[in-house]
Amino acid sequence: MTRVRALRMLSRDLFRMKRLKSFVAALLTVTAIAHAASTPTYASKGVVVSQSELASTVGAKVLRDGGNAIDAAVATAFALAVTHPSAGNIGGGGFLVFRSVRGEADTYDFRETAPARAAAEMFVRDGKYDSGSHHESHLSVGVPGTVAGLHLAWQEHGKLPWARLVEPAIKLASDGFVVSHGLARDLERVLPRMKNHLASLAQFSKRGAPYQPGDLLKQPDLARTLERIAKQGPAGFYEGETAALIEKELLAHGGLITREDLKSYVAKKRAPVRGSYRGFEIISMPPPSSGGVALIEMLNVLEGFELRRNGFNSSTSIHLMAEAMRRAFAERAQFLGDPDFSTIPAERLTSKQHADELRKSIRLDRASRSSVTNFAWRHESDETTHLSVVDKERNAVALTYTLENAYGSAIVVPGAGFLLNNEMGDFNAQPGLTTTNGLIGTRPNLAAAGKRMLSSMTPTILTRDGKLFMVTGSPGGRTIINTVLETIVNVLDFEMNAQESVDAPRFHHQWLPDEIRYERNGFSADTLATLRTRGHQLAPGSSQGIAEIIVLDAKRNVLEAGCDRRAPDGGAVAE
């Protein structure tokens, strides 16, 4: 071998080694980044996780100042009404699950109600269903419940003064906060819906021009409304100046809500629904939320299968979970509604015996078929928000609330500065109207005076051996229940940490339409092909849900918080 050739070979080998080292270094870097991305936020005392880091910071400060989980949840929720206006609210409603360190559990129902003049056929025009009045009008606004619900939970379990919990939201609204890239993009998208509402445009645009990242967003009318709530409690919202402003706006544009409707609103304390899964206790929200019943029903069915052995998001695991989802959503449509207006067979639906019967109907090799002649389910908006809180004593709160659509009705109450919901859209469209697209007309969820519309919200707490284990929940409309199911299965069956569970790709089946909707690029081609051979219809989609979860490592007494990066601006903040 000539000296020149030897040098060339040495040079080539060194170059290859250099490239290999670069590749290995790059691979290690990517691996480190991926690991870091799935590393939860750790906390030895308390932690708050929500869709707004600003709001989570408010809640964590409350914990540092001696407040408990309820105090922090209330303060975070009010802050979200300022910093996350698409779903954070005082003009909407929701549900809260609380578990004390002593093991007592309560749930608070502050779902919106139908006004006194509501009726089952109120969205029918000339004999035909009118989607516009159902979802996009002043007629679609339900009586808000958020302020009453937060106050009731605080009244029974809070430690710090009420005004102290509302004050940070007042300051954020009056002094303003810096608009993020995510919020700027979000506000720009909603402006066309606000074009006919002058108060909405005035609050969420700069004389019609979109806010830009880095701008300061001030909401002085909202600050004044929050000041009335801080001083007067619920009366500062349901009576006096705020109530008069709500009534004036709605009655002037064909809405139904009066000051009497507002004054009559009552948040309700209800007993949680309870179940078990592989030795863990499930504590969740009862009707008029369908979430807890459907979640426990699905977990009961899945308990009879060995998901861990089948593998995370394998075709078999997805098939079995989709079949459990299919059955729970079918029964949800048939049986669930406001328990004050209908007899709800929740105990039967959440029983292990009922799950045994459902499990027998699942074939391992073939998908079932959904039929419109039996049951169906309809659209429910994705724009909700969830927060989870655990304090240093291990009291826990799971809170989910909403305006329905993003920014609700898009109607800001003039002079009051907050957005109104369009939650009447969650009532069934018309008696007897059932379609393959998901509209249904079953009796339990038809509109009626004072009735609460059915919801998918699923704030949930898990315990093991009498001690706190997990707090979970998500927005996402009809996908909420399945997102919460998957966070639980990810942790319990597939041994993921909190952040890994939140980051994992998701899928959804809701009986009708008869399809598995899955997050695009989250599943292998082979898995999807195998599901098709089993008879499943598949539909790729964008992101599903925005889960915010906390898991307690009891051995180390350390909290893991998982914040969903599917949406911008969220944050887990430790005490």
Foldseek 3Di string as FASTA:
>chain_A
DDPVVVVVVVVVVVVVVVVVVVVVVVVVVVVVVVVVLLFFDWFLFKWKWWLFVVLRVLLQVCLVVPKFQLLSVLLSLLLCVQQVVQWRFQQAFWKKWWAAQQGDIWMKGQHFAAAQPDDLQPQADPNHGHVCCLAFFLQLFTQGRVLQRSVVSCVVDIDDQLLSSLVVNLCCQAVFDFQAQQNQVVLVVCLVLQVVAVLLCVQQDDNSHTDDGGDTHHQNLQSVLSVLCSVPRLCSCLHDPNQVLSQVVSVVTPYDDHSVRSVPRHMDMDAFDWDDAPQKIKTKHDPLELQRLLLLLLRLLCSVDQLLVCPDLFLQNVQSSQLSQQVSLLVCQAAHFHVVVHPGPSVLSNDSVNSVVSNVVRDSQAHDAFDQVRGFAADWEQRKIWMWMAGRSGIIMTIIIGLTHRLASSHARVSNRGGHHSNSSLAQRHAQDTDLNGGGHHDRRRHHHGTGHRFNWIFMWMDHPSGGFKTKWWGFTNCTSQLRSQLVCCCPNVVRFQQCSQAQWGWDHNSGVQAIETEPPRDDPVSVVSNVSNPHHYHYDHGGIFMWMWGAPVVVSMITIHGHPSGPNIDMDYD
